[in-house]
Amino acid sequence: MDVEKNKYETIKQQKVGESGSASATAQSILDRGAEVYGQAEQAVSDVYDKTAQTVSKTYEKAKSYSNENPGKTILIALGIGVGLGFLLGASSSSRRSRTSRFAQPVVNALSDLAQEYFR
C-alpha cells in the first residue's frame, strides 16, 4: 500500500511540476507578446510622425508656390476642375459618348501639367 501511495505522490508531483512549467511557458508567451506589441506600437508611432512631417512639408511647399504664382495656381485649379468634370461626366454615362473619349486624355494631360508645376 505504501508503494501505491508513493506512486500516486510521484505522479501528483510530476503533474504539479508540469503545470508549473505550463504556467512559466504561458508567462513567457505573455511577456514576449507584450514586447512585440510594444515594438509594433513604437514602429507605428515612428511611421505616423514621419508621415505627418512629410505631409506638413508638402503642404507648406504647395502653399508657398500658390503665393508665389497665383496665376498658375488658378489655371491649374481650373484645369483640374475641368478634368474632373469630364471624368465624372463620362463615368455617369453608360454608353461611350464624345465626353468619355476626351476625358482620359484631358485628365492625363492635366495631371502631367500639375506634376511639372509642383516639382
PDB file of N, CA and C in Angstrom:
ATOM      1  N   MET A   1       0.817  -1.183   0.000  1.00  0.00           N
ATOM      2  CA  MET A   1       0.000   0.000   0.000  1.00  0.00           C
ATOM      3  C   MET A   1       0.864   1.252   0.000  1.00  0.00           C
ATOM      4  N   ASP A   2       1.974   1.199   0.710  1.00  0.00           N
ATOM      5  CA  ASP A   2       2.895   2.332   0.718  1.00  0.00           C
ATOM      6  C   ASP A   2       3.487   2.558  -0.670  1.00  0.00           C
ATOM      7  N   VAL A   3       3.707   1.481  -1.399  1.00  0.00           N
ATOM      8  CA  VAL A   3       4.268   1.584  -2.735  1.00  0.00           C
ATOM      9  C   VAL A   3       3.277   2.296  -3.649  1.00  0.00           C
ATOM     10  N   GLU A   4       2.010   1.915  -3.574  1.00  0.00           N
ATOM     11  CA  GLU A   4       0.995   2.566  -4.396  1.00  0.00           C
ATOM     12  C   GLU A   4       0.835   4.034  -4.013  1.00  0.00           C
ATOM     13  N   LYS A   5       0.938   4.323  -2.712  1.00  0.00           N
ATOM     14  CA  LYS A   5       0.826   5.710  -2.251  1.00  0.00           C
ATOM     15  C   LYS A   5       1.998   6.528  -2.779  1.00  0.00           C
ATOM     16  N   ASN A   6       3.184   5.939  -2.776  1.00  0.00           N
ATOM     17  CA  ASN A   6       4.370   6.631  -3.293  1.00  0.00           C
ATOM     18  C   ASN A   6       4.233   6.894  -4.795  1.00  0.00           C
ATOM     19  N   LYS A   7       3.683   5.896  -5.518  1.00  0.00           N
ATOM     20  CA  LYS A   7       3.461   6.084  -6.951  1.00  0.00           C
ATOM     21  C   LYS A   7       2.502   7.249  -7.193  1.00  0.00           C
ATOM     22  N   TYR A   8       1.435   7.289  -6.394  1.00  0.00           N
ATOM     23  CA  TYR A   8       0.449   8.352  -6.529  1.00  0.00           C
ATOM     24  C   TYR A   8       1.077   9.709  -6.242  1.00  0.00           C
ATOM     25  N   GLU A   9       1.893   9.785  -5.190  1.00  0.00           N
ATOM     26  CA  GLU A   9       2.556  11.050  -4.832  1.00  0.00           C
ATOM     27  C   GLU A   9       3.540  11.470  -5.917  1.00  0.00           C
ATOM     28  N   THR A  10       4.246  10.500  -6.491  1.00  0.00           N
ATOM     29  CA  THR A  10       5.201  10.807  -7.550  1.00  0.00           C
ATOM     30  C   THR A  10       4.481  11.351  -8.781  1.00  0.00           C
ATOM     31  N   ILE A  11       3.394  10.698  -9.169  1.00  0.00           N
ATOM     32  CA  ILE A  11       2.605  11.160 -10.309  1.00  0.00           C
ATOM     33  C   ILE A  11       2.034  12.541 -10.025  1.00  0.00           C
ATOM     34  N   LYS A  12       1.547  12.769  -8.817  1.00  0.00           N
ATOM     35  CA  LYS A  12       0.973  14.062  -8.439  1.00  0.00           C
ATOM     36  C   LYS A  12       2.037  15.160  -8.523  1.00  0.00           C
ATOM     37  N   GLN A  13       3.245  14.861  -8.054  1.00  0.00           N
ATOM     38  CA  GLN A  13       4.325  15.849  -8.100  1.00  0.00           C
ATOM     39  C   GLN A  13       4.719  16.161  -9.542  1.00  0.00           C
ATOM     40  N   GLN A  14       4.726  15.107 -10.393  1.00  0.00           N
ATOM     41  CA  GLN A  14       5.035  15.332 -11.794  1.00  0.00           C
ATOM     42  C   GLN A  14       4.000  16.246 -12.441  1.00  0.00           C
ATOM     43  N   LYS A  15       2.720  15.997 -12.117  1.00  0.00           N
ATOM     44  CA  LYS A  15       1.649  16.827 -12.679  1.00  0.00           C
ATOM     45  C   LYS A  15       1.793  18.269 -12.204  1.00  0.00           C
ATOM     46  N   VAL A  16       2.114  18.461 -10.921  1.00  0.00           N
ATOM     47  CA  VAL A  16       2.302  19.815 -10.395  1.00  0.00           C
ATOM     48  C   VAL A  16       3.491  20.469 -11.072  1.00  0.00           C
ATOM     49  N   GLY A  17       4.570  19.706 -11.271  1.00  0.00           N
ATOM     50  CA  GLY A  17       5.745  20.240 -11.960  1.00  0.00           C
ATOM     51  C   GLY A  17       5.425  20.622 -13.387  1.00  0.00           C
ATOM     52  N   GLU A  18       4.633  19.780 -14.056  1.00  0.00           N
ATOM     53  CA  GLU A  18       4.250  20.088 -15.433  1.00  0.00           C
ATOM     54  C   GLU A  18       3.366  21.322 -15.496  1.00  0.00           C
ATOM     55  N   SER A  19       2.427  21.458 -14.560  1.00  0.00           N
ATOM     56  CA  SER A  19       1.559  22.636 -14.571  1.00  0.00           C
ATOM     57  C   SER A  19       2.348  23.890 -14.228  1.00  0.00           C
ATOM     58  N   GLY A  20       3.356  23.758 -13.379  1.00  0.00           N
ATOM     59  CA  GLY A  20       4.241  24.885 -13.092  1.00  0.00           C
ATOM     60  C   GLY A  20       5.016  25.273 -14.331  1.00  0.00           C
ATOM     61  N   SER A  21       5.445  24.284 -15.072  1.00  0.00           N
ATOM     62  CA  SER A  21       6.147  24.533 -16.325  1.00  0.00           C
ATOM     63  C   SER A  21       5.217  25.183 -17.338  1.00  0.00           C
ATOM     64  N   ALA A  22       3.962  24.745 -17.356  1.00  0.00           N
ATOM     65  CA  ALA A  22       2.985  25.333 -18.269  1.00  0.00           C
ATOM     66  C   ALA A  22       2.728  26.791 -17.924  1.00  0.00           C
ATOM     67  N   SER A  23       2.635  27.100 -16.639  1.00  0.00           N
ATOM     68  CA  SER A  23       2.402  28.495 -16.264  1.00  0.00           C
ATOM     69  C   SER A  23       3.624  29.349 -16.580  1.00  0.00           C
ATOM     70  N   ALA A  24       4.812  28.765 -16.434  1.00  0.00           N
ATOM     71  CA  ALA A  24       6.025  29.505 -16.795  1.00  0.00           C
ATOM     72  C   ALA A  24       6.056  29.754 -18.299  1.00  0.00           C
ATOM     73  N   THR A  25       5.648  28.750 -19.066  1.00  0.00           N
ATOM     74  CA  THR A  25       5.601  28.908 -20.516  1.00  0.00           C
ATOM     75  C   THR A  25       4.568  29.959 -20.907  1.00  0.00           C
ATOM     76  N   ALA A  26       3.412  29.909 -20.255  1.00  0.00           N
ATOM     77  CA  ALA A  26       2.367  30.889 -20.537  1.00  0.00           C
ATOM     78  C   ALA A  26       2.852  32.301 -20.205  1.00  0.00           C
ATOM     79  N   GLN A  27       3.543  32.436 -19.097  1.00  0.00           N
ATOM     80  CA  GLN A  27       4.060  33.752 -18.703  1.00  0.00           C
ATOM     81  C   GLN A  27       5.109  34.228 -19.704  1.00  0.00           C
ATOM     82  N   SER A  28       5.931  33.306 -20.186  1.00  0.00           N
ATOM     83  CA  SER A  28       6.931  33.648 -21.187  1.00  0.00           C
ATOM     84  C   SER A  28       6.270  34.124 -22.479  1.00  0.00           C
ATOM     85  N   ILE A  29       5.200  33.437 -22.869  1.00  0.00           N
ATOM     86  CA  ILE A  29       4.472  33.834 -24.080  1.00  0.00           C
ATOM     87  C   ILE A  29       3.844  35.211 -23.896  1.00  0.00           C
ATOM     88  N   LEU A  30       3.264  35.454 -22.730  1.00  0.00           N
ATOM     89  CA  LEU A  30       2.663  36.766 -22.461  1.00  0.00           C
ATOM     90  C   LEU A  30       3.713  37.871 -22.480  1.00  0.00           C
ATOM     91  N   ASP A  31       4.875  37.598 -21.889  1.00  0.00           N
ATOM     92  CA  ASP A  31       5.948  38.597 -21.879  1.00  0.00           C
ATOM     93  C   ASP A  31       6.423  38.899 -23.298  1.00  0.00           C
ATOM     94  N   ARG A  32       6.570  37.866 -24.098  1.00  0.00           N
ATOM     95  CA  ARG A  32       7.009  38.053 -25.486  1.00  0.00           C
ATOM     96  C   ARG A  32       5.950  38.817 -26.287  1.00  0.00           C
ATOM     97  N   GLY A  33       4.686  38.497 -26.044  1.00  0.00           N
ATOM     98  CA  GLY A  33       3.600  39.210 -26.720  1.00  0.00           C
ATOM     99  C   GLY A  33       3.597  40.686 -26.358  1.00  0.00           C
ATOM    100  N   ALA A  34       3.809  40.989 -25.091  1.00  0.00           N
ATOM    101  CA  ALA A  34       3.862  42.386 -24.655  1.00  0.00           C
ATOM    102  C   ALA A  34       5.043  43.113 -25.288  1.00  0.00           C
ATOM    103  N   GLU A  35       6.170  42.413 -25.413  1.00  0.00           N
ATOM    104  CA  GLU A  35       7.360  43.008 -26.022  1.00  0.00           C
ATOM    105  C   GLU A  35       7.115  43.306 -27.509  1.00  0.00           C
ATOM    106  N   VAL A  36       6.532  42.351 -28.210  1.00  0.00           N
ATOM    107  CA  VAL A  36       6.245  42.535 -29.639  1.00  0.00           C
ATOM    108  C   VAL A  36       5.218  43.647 -29.831  1.00  0.00           C
ATOM    109  N   TYR A  37       4.211  43.699 -28.961  1.00  0.00           N
ATOM    110  CA  TYR A  37       3.208  44.763 -29.042  1.00  0.00           C
ATOM    111  C   TYR A  37       3.862  46.127 -28.847  1.00  0.00           C
ATOM    112  N   GLY A  38       4.757  46.239 -27.910  1.00  0.00           N
ATOM    113  CA  GLY A  38       5.461  47.499 -27.679  1.00  0.00           C
ATOM    114  C   GLY A  38       6.296  47.912 -28.879  1.00  0.00           C
ATOM    115  N   GLN A  39       6.957  46.936 -29.506  1.00  0.00           N
ATOM    116  CA  GLN A  39       7.756  47.238 -30.696  1.00  0.00           C
ATOM    117  C   GLN A  39       6.869  47.695 -31.850  1.00  0.00           C
ATOM    118  N   ALA A  40       5.738  47.020 -32.022  1.00  0.00           N
ATOM    119  CA  ALA A  40       4.810  47.406 -33.096  1.00  0.00           C
ATOM    120  C   ALA A  40       4.247  48.796 -32.840  1.00  0.00           C
ATOM    121  N   GLU A  41       3.908  49.074 -31.599  1.00  0.00           N
ATOM    122  CA  GLU A  41       3.376  50.389 -31.245  1.00  0.00           C
ATOM    123  C   GLU A  41       4.402  51.481 -31.529  1.00  0.00           C
ATOM    124  N   GLN A  42       5.664  51.219 -31.216  1.00  0.00           N
ATOM    125  CA  GLN A  42       6.727  52.189 -31.474  1.00  0.00           C
ATOM    126  C   GLN A  42       6.925  52.396 -32.969  1.00  0.00           C
ATOM    127  N   ALA A  43       6.877  51.314 -33.735  1.00  0.00           N
ATOM    128  CA  ALA A  43       7.052  51.415 -35.188  1.00  0.00           C
ATOM    129  C   ALA A  43       5.924  52.227 -35.809  1.00  0.00           C
ATOM    130  N   VAL A  44       4.698  51.987 -35.390  1.00  0.00           N
ATOM    131  CA  VAL A  44       3.547  52.737 -35.914  1.00  0.00           C
ATOM    132  C   VAL A  44       3.675  54.211 -35.553  1.00  0.00           C
ATOM    133  N   SER A  45       4.100  54.478 -34.347  1.00  0.00           N
ATOM    134  CA  SER A  45       4.276  55.863 -33.905  1.00  0.00           C
ATOM    135  C   SER A  45       5.343  56.574 -34.744  1.00  0.00           C
ATOM    136  N   ASP A  46       6.448  55.883 -35.014  1.00  0.00           N
ATOM    137  CA  ASP A  46       7.509  56.474 -35.831  1.00  0.00           C
ATOM    138  C   ASP A  46       7.034  56.764 -37.250  1.00  0.00           C
ATOM    139  N   VAL A  47       6.319  55.813 -37.845  1.00  0.00           N
ATOM    140  CA  VAL A  47       5.814  55.998 -39.207  1.00  0.00           C
ATOM    141  C   VAL A  47       4.806  57.145 -39.244  1.00  0.00           C
ATOM    142  N   TYR A  48       3.954  57.233 -38.238  1.00  0.00           N
ATOM    143  CA  TYR A  48       2.974  58.318 -38.183  1.00  0.00           C
ATOM    144  C   TYR A  48       3.677  59.673 -38.101  1.00  0.00           C
ATOM    145  N   ASP A  49       4.703  59.765 -37.255  1.00  0.00           N
ATOM    146  CA  ASP A  49       5.430  61.028 -37.117  1.00  0.00           C
ATOM    147  C   ASP A  49       6.108  61.430 -38.429  1.00  0.00           C
ATOM    148  N   LYS A  50       6.748  60.465 -39.101  1.00  0.00           N
ATOM    149  CA  LYS A  50       7.416  60.770 -40.369  1.00  0.00           C
ATOM    150  C   LYS A  50       6.405  61.189 -41.429  1.00  0.00           C
ATOM    151  N   THR A  51       5.259  60.520 -41.471  1.00  0.00           N
ATOM    152  CA  THR A  51       4.226  60.867 -42.443  1.00  0.00           C
ATOM    153  C   THR A  51       3.679  62.258 -42.171  1.00  0.00           C
ATOM    154  N   ALA A  52       3.443  62.569 -40.914  1.00  0.00           N
ATOM    155  CA  ALA A  52       2.931  63.895 -40.562  1.00  0.00           C
ATOM    156  C   ALA A  52       3.928  64.981 -40.962  1.00  0.00           C
ATOM    157  N   GLN A  53       5.220  64.738 -40.759  1.00  0.00           N
ATOM    158  CA  GLN A  53       6.236  65.710 -41.154  1.00  0.00           C
ATOM    159  C   GLN A  53       6.264  65.896 -42.677  1.00  0.00           C
ATOM    160  N   THR A  54       6.191  64.798 -43.407  1.00  0.00           N
ATOM    161  CA  THR A  54       6.219  64.864 -44.865  1.00  0.00           C
ATOM    162  C   THR A  54       5.005  65.607 -45.410  1.00  0.00           C
ATOM    163  N   VAL A  55       3.836  65.305 -44.869  1.00  0.00           N
ATOM    164  CA  VAL A  55       2.608  65.987 -45.314  1.00  0.00           C
ATOM    165  C   VAL A  55       2.691  67.474 -44.998  1.00  0.00           C
ATOM    166  N   SER A  56       3.216  67.801 -43.837  1.00  0.00           N
ATOM    167  CA  SER A  56       3.346  69.205 -43.453  1.00  0.00           C
ATOM    168  C   SER A  56       4.308  69.946 -44.396  1.00  0.00           C
ATOM    169  N   LYS A  57       5.430  69.310 -44.733  1.00  0.00           N
ATOM    170  CA  LYS A  57       6.384  69.941 -45.658  1.00  0.00           C
ATOM    171  C   LYS A  57       5.759  70.133 -47.041  1.00  0.00           C
ATOM    172  N   THR A  58       5.049  69.115 -47.509  1.00  0.00           N
ATOM    173  CA  THR A  58       4.411  69.203 -48.827  1.00  0.00           C
ATOM    174  C   THR A  58       3.352  70.294 -48.844  1.00  0.00           C
ATOM    175  N   TYR A  59       2.578  70.393 -47.777  1.00  0.00           N
ATOM    176  CA  TYR A  59       1.560  71.437 -47.678  1.00  0.00           C
ATOM    177  C   TYR A  59       2.207  72.818 -47.707  1.00  0.00           C
ATOM    178  N   GLU A  60       3.285  72.973 -46.975  1.00  0.00           N
ATOM    179  CA  GLU A  60       3.970  74.267 -46.950  1.00  0.00           C
ATOM    180  C   GLU A  60       4.538  74.624 -48.329  1.00  0.00           C
ATOM    181  N   LYS A  61       5.076  73.615 -49.048  1.00  0.00           N
ATOM    182  CA  LYS A  61       5.583  73.876 -50.403  1.00  0.00           C
ATOM    183  C   LYS A  61       4.459  74.322 -51.330  1.00  0.00           C
ATOM    184  N   ALA A  62       3.332  73.621 -51.267  1.00  0.00           N
ATOM    185  CA  ALA A  62       2.193  73.967 -52.126  1.00  0.00           C
ATOM    186  C   ALA A  62       1.663  75.353 -51.781  1.00  0.00           C
ATOM    187  N   LYS A  63       1.619  75.661 -50.501  1.00  0.00           N
ATOM    188  CA  LYS A  63       1.126  76.966 -50.060  1.00  0.00           C
ATOM    189  C   LYS A  63       2.056  78.092 -50.531  1.00  0.00           C
ATOM    190  N   SER A  64       3.371  77.894 -50.395  1.00  0.00           N
ATOM    191  CA  SER A  64       4.307  78.935 -50.839  1.00  0.00           C
ATOM    192  C   SER A  64       4.301  79.068 -52.359  1.00  0.00           C
ATOM    193  N   TYR A  65       4.145  77.945 -53.080  1.00  0.00           N
ATOM    194  CA  TYR A  65       4.073  78.004 -54.541  1.00  0.00           C
ATOM    195  C   TYR A  65       2.841  78.790 -54.972  1.00  0.00           C
ATOM    196  N   SER A  66       1.714  78.536 -54.304  1.00  0.00           N
ATOM    197  CA  SER A  66       0.491  79.248 -54.693  1.00  0.00           C
ATOM    198  C   SER A  66       0.584  80.737 -54.369  1.00  0.00           C
ATOM    199  N   ASN A  67       1.324  81.087 -53.319  1.00  0.00           N
ATOM    200  CA  ASN A  67       1.515  82.504 -53.000  1.00  0.00           C
ATOM    201  C   ASN A  67       2.447  83.183 -54.005  1.00  0.00           C
ATOM    202  N   GLU A  68       3.449  82.437 -54.499  1.00  0.00           N
ATOM    203  CA  GLU A  68       4.403  82.998 -55.439  1.00  0.00           C
ATOM    204  C   GLU A  68       3.849  83.039 -56.864  1.00  0.00           C
ATOM    205  N   ASN A  69       2.966  82.115 -57.211  1.00  0.00           N
ATOM    206  CA  ASN A  69       2.442  82.005 -58.575  1.00  0.00           C
ATOM    207  C   ASN A  69       0.917  81.905 -58.560  1.00  0.00           C
ATOM    208  N   PRO A  70       0.236  82.980 -58.229  1.00  0.00           N
ATOM    209  CA  PRO A  70      -1.226  82.878 -58.134  1.00  0.00           C
ATOM    210  C   PRO A  70      -1.913  82.605 -59.469  1.00  0.00           C
ATOM    211  N   GLY A  71      -1.375  83.135 -60.560  1.00  0.00           N
ATOM    212  CA  GLY A  71      -1.986  82.914 -61.880  1.00  0.00           C
ATOM    213  C   GLY A  71      -1.902  81.454 -62.294  1.00  0.00           C
ATOM    214  N   LYS A  72      -0.726  80.865 -62.147  1.00  0.00           N
ATOM    215  CA  LYS A  72      -0.555  79.456 -62.487  1.00  0.00           C
ATOM    216  C   LYS A  72      -1.421  78.575 -61.597  1.00  0.00           C
ATOM    217  N   THR A  73      -1.511  78.944 -60.331  1.00  0.00           N
ATOM    218  CA  THR A  73      -2.314  78.157 -59.396  1.00  0.00           C
ATOM    219  C   THR A  73      -3.779  78.155 -59.804  1.00  0.00           C
ATOM    220  N   ILE A  74      -4.275  79.310 -60.222  1.00  0.00           N
ATOM    221  CA  ILE A  74      -5.677  79.394 -60.657  1.00  0.00           C
ATOM    222  C   ILE A  74      -5.894  78.560 -61.915  1.00  0.00           C
ATOM    223  N   LEU A  75      -4.956  78.632 -62.856  1.00  0.00           N
ATOM    224  CA  LEU A  75      -5.082  77.839 -64.081  1.00  0.00           C
ATOM    225  C   LEU A  75      -5.005  76.335 -63.794  1.00  0.00           C
ATOM    226  N   ILE A  76      -4.132  75.951 -62.901  1.00  0.00           N
ATOM    227  CA  ILE A  76      -4.033  74.538 -62.529  1.00  0.00           C
ATOM    228  C   ILE A  76      -5.330  74.073 -61.883  1.00  0.00           C
ATOM    229  N   ALA A  77      -5.862  74.880 -60.967  1.00  0.00           N
ATOM    230  CA  ALA A  77      -7.121  74.503 -60.309  1.00  0.00           C
ATOM    231  C   ALA A  77      -8.262  74.427 -61.330  1.00  0.00           C
ATOM    232  N   LEU A  78      -8.282  75.364 -62.267  1.00  0.00           N
ATOM    233  CA  LEU A  78      -9.305  75.335 -63.312  1.00  0.00           C
ATOM    234  C   LEU A  78      -9.173  74.076 -64.165  1.00  0.00           C
ATOM    235  N   GLY A  79      -7.954  73.758 -64.547  1.00  0.00           N
ATOM    236  CA  GLY A  79      -7.708  72.555 -65.345  1.00  0.00           C
ATOM    237  C   GLY A  79      -8.104  71.285 -64.609  1.00  0.00           C
ATOM    238  N   ILE A  80      -7.785  71.228 -63.338  1.00  0.00           N
ATOM    239  CA  ILE A  80      -8.168  70.060 -62.547  1.00  0.00           C
ATOM    240  C   ILE A  80      -9.687  69.962 -62.454  1.00  0.00           C
ATOM    241  N   GLY A  81     -10.337  71.100 -62.274  1.00  0.00           N
ATOM    242  CA  GLY A  81     -11.800  71.100 -62.216  1.00  0.00           C
ATOM    243  C   GLY A  81     -12.433  70.637 -63.513  1.00  0.00           C
ATOM    244  N   VAL A  82     -11.898  71.122 -64.637  1.00  0.00           N
ATOM    245  CA  VAL A  82     -12.421  70.705 -65.938  1.00  0.00           C
ATOM    246  C   VAL A  82     -12.170  69.211 -66.144  1.00  0.00           C
ATOM    247  N   GLY A  83     -10.976  68.765 -65.800  1.00  0.00           N
ATOM    248  CA  GLY A  83     -10.643  67.347 -65.947  1.00  0.00           C
ATOM    249  C   GLY A  83     -11.536  66.461 -65.107  1.00  0.00           C
ATOM    250  N   LEU A  84     -11.756  66.860 -63.864  1.00  0.00           N
ATOM    251  CA  LEU A  84     -12.656  66.081 -63.005  1.00  0.00           C
ATOM    252  C   LEU A  84     -14.086  66.120 -63.531  1.00  0.00           C
ATOM    253  N   GLY A  85     -14.488  67.261 -64.075  1.00  0.00           N
ATOM    254  CA  GLY A  85     -15.822  67.359 -64.660  1.00  0.00           C
ATOM    255  C   GLY A  85     -15.995  66.406 -65.824  1.00  0.00           C
ATOM    256  N   PHE A  86     -14.979  66.354 -66.706  1.00  0.00           N
ATOM    257  CA  PHE A  86     -15.035  65.394 -67.812  1.00  0.00           C
ATOM    258  C   PHE A  86     -15.071  63.960 -67.297  1.00  0.00           C
ATOM    259  N   LEU A  87     -14.226  63.693 -66.331  1.00  0.00           N
ATOM    260  CA  LEU A  87     -14.129  62.338 -65.801  1.00  0.00           C
ATOM    261  C   LEU A  87     -15.426  61.895 -65.133  1.00  0.00           C
ATOM    262  N   LEU A  88     -15.978  62.750 -64.306  1.00  0.00           N
ATOM    263  CA  LEU A  88     -17.229  62.404 -63.624  1.00  0.00           C
ATOM    264  C   LEU A  88     -18.400  62.361 -64.592  1.00  0.00           C
ATOM    265  N   GLY A  89     -18.389  63.256 -65.569  1.00  0.00           N
ATOM    266  CA  GLY A  89     -19.449  63.234 -66.575  1.00  0.00           C
ATOM    267  C   GLY A  89     -19.381  61.977 -67.422  1.00  0.00           C
ATOM    268  N   ALA A  90     -18.186  61.521 -67.694  1.00  0.00           N
ATOM    269  CA  ALA A  90     -18.024  60.311 -68.503  1.00  0.00           C
ATOM    270  C   ALA A  90     -18.405  59.071 -67.710  1.00  0.00           C
ATOM    271  N   SER A  91     -18.163  59.074 -66.424  1.00  0.00           N
ATOM    272  CA  SER A  91     -18.472  57.880 -65.632  1.00  0.00           C
ATOM    273  C   SER A  91     -19.970  57.731 -65.394  1.00  0.00           C
ATOM    274  N   SER A  92     -20.729  58.814 -65.475  1.00  0.00           N
ATOM    275  CA  SER A  92     -22.173  58.707 -65.245  1.00  0.00           C
ATOM    276  C   SER A  92     -22.909  58.199 -66.485  1.00  0.00           C
ATOM    277  N   SER A  93     -22.271  58.266 -67.631  1.00  0.00           N
ATOM    278  CA  SER A  93     -22.903  57.798 -68.874  1.00  0.00           C
ATOM    279  C   SER A  93     -22.565  56.330 -69.096  1.00  0.00           C
ATOM    280  N   SER A  94     -23.591  55.534 -69.418  1.00  0.00           N
ATOM    281  CA  SER A  94     -23.350  54.108 -69.620  1.00  0.00           C
ATOM    282  C   SER A  94     -22.852  53.809 -71.028  1.00  0.00           C
ATOM    283  N   ARG A  95     -23.205  54.634 -71.993  1.00  0.00           N
ATOM    284  CA  ARG A  95     -22.736  54.398 -73.353  1.00  0.00           C
ATOM    285  C   ARG A  95     -21.496  55.246 -73.612  1.00  0.00           C
ATOM    286  N   ARG A  96     -20.729  54.858 -74.583  1.00  0.00           N
ATOM    287  CA  ARG A  96     -19.496  55.587 -74.905  1.00  0.00           C
ATOM    288  C   ARG A  96     -19.861  56.838 -75.698  1.00  0.00           C
ATOM    289  N   SER A  97     -19.664  57.970 -75.091  1.00  0.00           N
ATOM    290  CA  SER A  97     -20.024  59.235 -75.731  1.00  0.00           C
ATOM    291  C   SER A  97     -18.767  60.024 -76.092  1.00  0.00           C
ATOM    292  N   ARG A  98     -18.981  61.182 -76.659  1.00  0.00           N
ATOM    293  CA  ARG A  98     -17.870  62.050 -77.024  1.00  0.00           C
ATOM    294  C   ARG A  98     -17.097  62.479 -75.779  1.00  0.00           C
ATOM    295  N   THR A  99     -17.807  62.697 -74.690  1.00  0.00           N
ATOM    296  CA  THR A  99     -17.168  63.110 -73.442  1.00  0.00           C
ATOM    297  C   THR A  99     -16.208  62.047 -72.939  1.00  0.00           C
ATOM    298  N   SER A 100     -16.613  60.789 -73.003  1.00  0.00           N
ATOM    299  CA  SER A 100     -15.750  59.730 -72.493  1.00  0.00           C
ATOM    300  C   SER A 100     -14.500  59.551 -73.350  1.00  0.00           C
ATOM    301  N   ARG A 101     -14.587  59.871 -74.611  1.00  0.00           N
ATOM    302  CA  ARG A 101     -13.406  59.771 -75.466  1.00  0.00           C
ATOM    303  C   ARG A 101     -12.394  60.856 -75.129  1.00  0.00           C
ATOM    304  N   PHE A 102     -12.863  61.998 -74.637  1.00  0.00           N
ATOM    305  CA  PHE A 102     -11.972  63.097 -74.320  1.00  0.00           C
ATOM    306  C   PHE A 102     -11.523  63.121 -72.864  1.00  0.00           C
ATOM    307  N   ALA A 103     -12.249  62.497 -72.006  1.00  0.00           N
ATOM    308  CA  ALA A 103     -11.976  62.601 -70.574  1.00  0.00           C
ATOM    309  C   ALA A 103     -10.602  62.061 -70.205  1.00  0.00           C
ATOM    310  N   GLN A 104     -10.273  60.863 -70.640  1.00  0.00           N
ATOM    311  CA  GLN A 104      -8.999  60.268 -70.245  1.00  0.00           C
ATOM    312  C   GLN A 104      -7.790  61.048 -70.742  1.00  0.00           C
ATOM    313  N   PRO A 105      -7.724  61.463 -72.002  1.00  0.00           N
ATOM    314  CA  PRO A 105      -6.566  62.254 -72.441  1.00  0.00           C
ATOM    315  C   PRO A 105      -6.462  63.601 -71.721  1.00  0.00           C
ATOM    316  N   VAL A 106      -7.588  64.234 -71.469  1.00  0.00           N
ATOM    317  CA  VAL A 106      -7.567  65.523 -70.777  1.00  0.00           C
ATOM    318  C   VAL A 106      -7.065  65.345 -69.347  1.00  0.00           C
ATOM    319  N   VAL A 107      -7.563  64.346 -68.660  1.00  0.00           N
ATOM    320  CA  VAL A 107      -7.128  64.091 -67.283  1.00  0.00           C
ATOM    321  C   VAL A 107      -5.641  63.762 -67.252  1.00  0.00           C
ATOM    322  N   ASN A 108      -5.177  62.957 -68.193  1.00  0.00           N
ATOM    323  CA  ASN A 108      -3.747  62.627 -68.250  1.00  0.00           C
ATOM    324  C   ASN A 108      -2.904  63.872 -68.490  1.00  0.00           C
ATOM    325  N   ALA A 109      -3.327  64.716 -69.411  1.00  0.00           N
ATOM    326  CA  ALA A 109      -2.575  65.937 -69.711  1.00  0.00           C
ATOM    327  C   ALA A 109      -2.550  66.871 -68.510  1.00  0.00           C
ATOM    328  N   LEU A 110      -3.687  67.015 -67.851  1.00  0.00           N
ATOM    329  CA  LEU A 110      -3.740  67.896 -66.683  1.00  0.00           C
ATOM    330  C   LEU A 110      -2.904  67.359 -65.530  1.00  0.00           C
ATOM    331  N   SER A 111      -2.919  66.061 -65.338  1.00  0.00           N
ATOM    332  CA  SER A 111      -2.105  65.506 -64.253  1.00  0.00           C
ATOM    333  C   SER A 111      -0.626  65.661 -64.560  1.00  0.00           C
ATOM    334  N   ASP A 112      -0.232  65.527 -65.834  1.00  0.00           N
ATOM    335  CA  ASP A 112       1.165  65.759 -66.206  1.00  0.00           C
ATOM    336  C   ASP A 112       1.564  67.205 -65.952  1.00  0.00           C
ATOM    337  N   LEU A 113       0.673  68.143 -66.306  1.00  0.00           N
ATOM    338  CA  LEU A 113       0.971  69.560 -66.055  1.00  0.00           C
ATOM    339  C   LEU A 113       1.085  69.847 -64.566  1.00  0.00           C
ATOM    340  N   ALA A 114       0.191  69.305 -63.789  1.00  0.00           N
ATOM    341  CA  ALA A 114       0.236  69.519 -62.347  1.00  0.00           C
ATOM    342  C   ALA A 114       1.501  68.952 -61.742  1.00  0.00           C
ATOM    343  N   GLN A 115       1.939  67.793 -62.208  1.00  0.00           N
ATOM    344  CA  GLN A 115       3.186  67.213 -61.703  1.00  0.00           C
ATOM    345  C   GLN A 115       4.384  68.085 -62.041  1.00  0.00           C
ATOM    346  N   GLU A 116       4.403  68.649 -63.228  1.00  0.00           N
ATOM    347  CA  GLU A 116       5.522  69.504 -63.626  1.00  0.00           C
ATOM    348  C   GLU A 116       5.578  70.777 -62.785  1.00  0.00           C
ATOM    349  N   TYR A 117       4.430  71.362 -62.499  1.00  0.00           N
ATOM    350  CA  TYR A 117       4.403  72.612 -61.744  1.00  0.00           C
ATOM    351  C   TYR A 117       4.694  72.421 -60.272  1.00  0.00           C
ATOM    352  N   PHE A 118       4.365  71.274 -59.717  1.00  0.00           N
ATOM    353  CA  PHE A 118       4.558  71.083 -58.282  1.00  0.00           C
ATOM    354  C   PHE A 118       5.858  70.386 -57.935  1.00  0.00           C
ATOM    355  N   ARG A 119       6.718  70.165 -58.885  1.00  0.00           N
ATOM    356  CA  ARG A 119       8.022  69.559 -58.573  1.00  0.00           C
ATOM    357  C   ARG A 119       8.980  70.548 -58.029  1.00  0.00           C
TER     358      ARG A 119
END
